[in-house]
Amino acid sequence: MALTYSIDIPLGSKMPDFELKDPFGNLYKSDELYGEKGLLVVFTCNHCPYAIAVWPRLIRLSQYAKQLGINTVAINPNIHPNYPDDAPEKMIEKIKEWGIPFPYLVDETQEVAKLFKAQCTPDIYLFDKQHKLVYHGRIDDNWQDETKVTREELKEAITNLAEGKPIDPVQYPSMGCSIKWRD
């Protein structure tokens, strides 16, 4: 498990367009995933301890964001023969086990992760309704122990986006396991 941080991507960057399927075979187009006020995109997986630790928070945040007009999508770039816990059939198990209420998509070629310059799981992006990046950072200030969180940066960004308020430009990188690149 190699600890990796998300890289700095300029705020205002346009979201790359993509089409991906979920593990059930349903096709999703990025333009159709947007809520009225934006879209939260999270590159994540099933097996990484960092991702596992924040999945419950991500699910709760997605429900909060949905009420504010911001949809969520998760993308699994770790479709790799050496990581069977991240295979699409295992994603189906996690969707059911965790009650994931948003699309959890399969990036089989890893091309979408490359377009986004995703580095780790989780790697988190929040886009406004113009498809411009407004937040790229961590969920909060303590991935290991939710009871010790003192600042929920992603929730603040979601709230500010929905309310049309400025989003703090000081953003701390997400951290997690490196994406399991095929090449």
Protein backbone atom coordinates (compact mmCIF):
# COMPACT_ATOMS: atom_id res chain seq x y z
CA MET A 1 0.00 0.00 0.00
CA ALA A 2 1.86 3.05 -1.27
CA LEU A 3 0.65 6.31 0.27
CA THR A 4 -0.01 8.82 -2.49
CA TYR A 5 -1.43 12.35 -2.50
CA SER A 6 -3.65 13.99 -5.09
CA ILE A 7 -1.81 16.47 -7.27
CA ASP A 8 -2.52 20.16 -7.65
CA ILE A 9 -4.95 20.83 -10.48
CA PRO A 10 -5.85 24.45 -11.22
CA LEU A 11 -9.27 25.48 -9.98
CA GLY A 12 -11.45 26.41 -12.92
CA SER A 13 -10.19 23.48 -15.00
CA LYS A 14 -12.94 21.98 -17.16
CA MET A 15 -14.11 18.50 -16.31
CA PRO A 16 -13.12 15.92 -18.93
CA ASP A 17 -16.08 14.29 -20.67
CA PHE A 18 -16.42 10.55 -20.25
CA GLU A 19 -18.66 7.55 -20.77
CA LEU A 20 -18.38 4.61 -18.41
CA LYS A 21 -20.46 1.62 -17.40
CA ASP A 22 -21.37 0.52 -13.92
CA PRO A 23 -20.71 -3.12 -12.98
CA PHE A 24 -24.28 -4.00 -14.04
CA GLY A 25 -23.54 -2.83 -17.61
CA ASN A 26 -25.49 0.46 -17.54
CA LEU A 27 -23.80 3.26 -19.50
CA TYR A 28 -23.37 6.72 -17.94
CA LYS A 29 -22.34 9.90 -19.75
CA SER A 30 -20.67 12.61 -17.72
CA ASP A 31 -23.00 15.38 -18.93
CA GLU A 32 -26.02 13.39 -17.75
CA LEU A 33 -24.62 12.87 -14.24
CA TYR A 34 -24.73 16.53 -13.24
CA GLY A 35 -27.15 17.86 -10.67
CA GLU A 36 -28.68 21.31 -10.99
CA LYS A 37 -25.69 22.89 -9.21
CA GLY A 38 -22.81 20.53 -9.85
CA LEU A 39 -21.17 17.13 -9.66
CA LEU A 40 -18.92 15.44 -7.12
CA VAL A 41 -16.55 12.94 -8.77
CA VAL A 42 -14.59 10.53 -6.58
CA PHE A 43 -12.00 8.05 -7.82
CA THR A 44 -12.09 5.25 -5.29
CA CYS A 45 -12.09 1.49 -4.88
CA ASN A 46 -13.11 -1.39 -2.61
CA HIS A 47 -9.84 -2.52 -1.02
CA CYS A 48 -7.77 0.56 -0.09
CA PRO A 49 -7.88 1.25 3.68
CA TYR A 50 -8.10 5.00 3.04
CA ALA A 51 -11.05 4.55 0.68
CA ILE A 52 -12.78 2.09 3.02
CA ALA A 53 -12.38 4.52 5.93
CA VAL A 54 -14.15 7.35 4.11
CA TRP A 55 -16.83 5.42 2.16
CA PRO A 56 -19.45 5.97 4.93
CA ARG A 57 -18.69 9.70 4.95
CA LEU A 58 -18.81 9.86 1.18
CA ILE A 59 -22.21 8.15 1.14
CA ARG A 60 -23.58 10.60 3.75
CA LEU A 61 -22.07 13.57 1.92
CA SER A 62 -23.62 12.41 -1.36
CA GLN A 63 -27.05 12.43 0.27
CA TYR A 64 -26.42 15.90 1.71
CA ALA A 65 -25.15 17.17 -1.66
CA LYS A 66 -28.12 15.67 -3.53
CA GLN A 67 -30.51 17.74 -1.38
CA LEU A 68 -28.55 20.83 -2.49
CA GLY A 69 -28.65 19.99 -6.22
CA ILE A 70 -25.22 18.34 -6.50
CA ASN A 71 -24.98 14.76 -7.73
CA THR A 72 -22.22 12.27 -6.96
CA VAL A 73 -20.44 9.62 -9.00
CA ALA A 74 -17.68 7.24 -7.92
CA ILE A 75 -15.23 5.76 -10.40
CA ASN A 76 -13.09 2.69 -9.77
CA PRO A 77 -9.82 2.88 -11.75
CA ASN A 78 -8.30 -0.20 -10.07
CA ILE A 79 -9.56 -2.76 -12.54
CA HIS A 80 -6.38 -4.78 -12.51
CA PRO A 81 -5.86 -8.56 -12.47
CA ASN A 82 -3.56 -8.26 -9.44
CA TYR A 83 -6.32 -6.60 -7.37
CA PRO A 84 -9.33 -8.96 -7.53
CA ASP A 85 -11.07 -7.17 -4.62
CA ASP A 86 -11.67 -4.24 -6.99
CA ALA A 87 -13.15 -6.31 -9.83
CA PRO A 88 -16.61 -5.30 -11.10
CA GLU A 89 -18.30 -8.29 -9.45
CA LYS A 90 -16.83 -7.20 -6.10
CA MET A 91 -18.10 -3.67 -6.78
CA ILE A 92 -21.62 -5.10 -7.01
CA GLU A 93 -21.14 -6.69 -3.59
CA LYS A 94 -20.00 -3.34 -2.11
CA ILE A 95 -22.86 -1.41 -3.73
CA LYS A 96 -25.27 -3.75 -1.95
CA GLU A 97 -23.31 -4.04 1.32
CA TRP A 98 -22.69 -0.31 1.77
CA GLY A 99 -25.93 0.90 0.16
CA ILE A 100 -24.13 3.14 -2.33
CA PRO A 101 -26.88 5.48 -3.58
CA PHE A 102 -25.05 6.91 -6.62
CA PRO A 103 -23.41 5.43 -9.72
CA TYR A 104 -20.19 3.50 -9.00
CA LEU A 105 -18.51 3.18 -12.39
CA VAL A 106 -15.86 0.90 -13.86
CA ASP A 107 -12.83 2.61 -15.47
CA GLU A 108 -11.56 -0.57 -17.07
CA THR A 109 -9.01 1.10 -19.35
CA GLN A 110 -8.00 3.66 -16.69
CA GLU A 111 -8.30 6.34 -19.39
CA VAL A 112 -10.78 8.42 -17.39
CA ALA A 113 -8.52 8.43 -14.33
CA LYS A 114 -5.68 9.59 -16.59
CA LEU A 115 -7.83 12.38 -18.08
CA PHE A 116 -8.61 13.62 -14.56
CA LYS A 117 -4.96 13.16 -13.47
CA ALA A 118 -6.24 11.08 -10.56
CA GLN A 119 -3.47 9.69 -8.37
CA CYS A 120 -4.97 7.96 -5.35
CA THR A 121 -8.05 6.39 -3.86
CA PRO A 122 -9.89 8.46 -2.90
CA ASP A 123 -9.17 11.36 -5.25
CA ILE A 124 -11.98 13.92 -4.98
CA TYR A 125 -13.20 16.56 -7.47
CA LEU A 126 -16.12 18.97 -7.14
CA PHE A 127 -17.37 20.71 -10.29
CA ASP A 128 -19.87 23.54 -10.63
CA LYS A 129 -22.74 23.55 -13.12
CA GLN A 130 -20.43 25.04 -15.78
CA HIS A 131 -18.26 21.90 -15.39
CA LYS A 132 -15.44 23.92 -13.79
CA LEU A 133 -13.36 22.52 -10.93
CA VAL A 134 -14.09 24.32 -7.67
CA TYR A 135 -12.63 21.85 -5.16
CA HIS A 136 -9.97 19.15 -5.37
CA GLY A 137 -8.92 17.91 -1.98
CA ARG A 138 -9.64 15.73 1.00
CA ILE A 139 -13.01 14.96 2.59
CA ASP A 140 -11.95 16.22 6.02
CA ASP A 141 -8.96 16.61 8.31
CA ASN A 142 -8.85 13.08 9.78
CA TRP A 143 -9.32 10.16 7.41
CA GLN A 144 -8.53 7.58 10.11
CA ASP A 145 -10.91 8.57 12.89
CA GLU A 146 -14.13 10.32 12.05
CA THR A 147 -14.68 11.20 15.71
CA LYS A 148 -11.55 13.39 15.59
CA VAL A 149 -12.57 15.42 12.53
CA THR A 150 -12.46 19.15 13.25
CA ARG A 151 -12.97 20.48 9.70
CA GLU A 152 -15.18 18.99 6.98
CA GLU A 153 -13.61 20.71 3.97
CA LEU A 154 -15.57 18.87 1.28
CA LYS A 155 -18.89 19.51 3.03
CA GLU A 156 -17.99 23.21 3.33
CA ALA A 157 -17.18 23.32 -0.39
CA ILE A 158 -20.46 21.57 -1.28
CA THR A 159 -22.44 23.98 0.91
CA ASN A 160 -20.71 27.04 -0.50
CA LEU A 161 -21.14 25.85 -4.09
CA ALA A 162 -24.86 25.25 -3.54
CA GLU A 163 -25.30 28.64 -1.85
CA GLY A 164 -23.27 30.55 -4.44
CA LYS A 165 -20.62 31.52 -1.89
CA PRO A 166 -16.86 31.51 -2.51
CA ILE A 167 -15.05 28.24 -1.91
CA ASP A 168 -11.85 28.43 0.10
CA PRO A 169 -8.97 28.29 -2.39
CA VAL A 170 -6.73 26.75 0.28
CA GLN A 171 -7.36 23.05 -0.29
CA TYR A 172 -5.43 20.13 1.16
CA PRO A 173 -4.68 17.14 -1.04
CA SER A 174 -6.53 13.91 -0.65
CA MET A 175 -4.38 10.97 0.37
CA GLY A 176 -4.76 7.27 -0.18
CA CYS A 177 -3.41 4.23 -1.92
CA SER A 178 -1.88 4.82 -5.32
CA ILE A 179 -4.03 3.90 -8.29
CA LYS A 180 -3.00 0.46 -9.49
CA TRP A 181 -1.90 1.41 -12.99
CA ARG A 182 -1.63 -1.35 -15.55
CA ASP A 183 1.40 0.26 -17.22
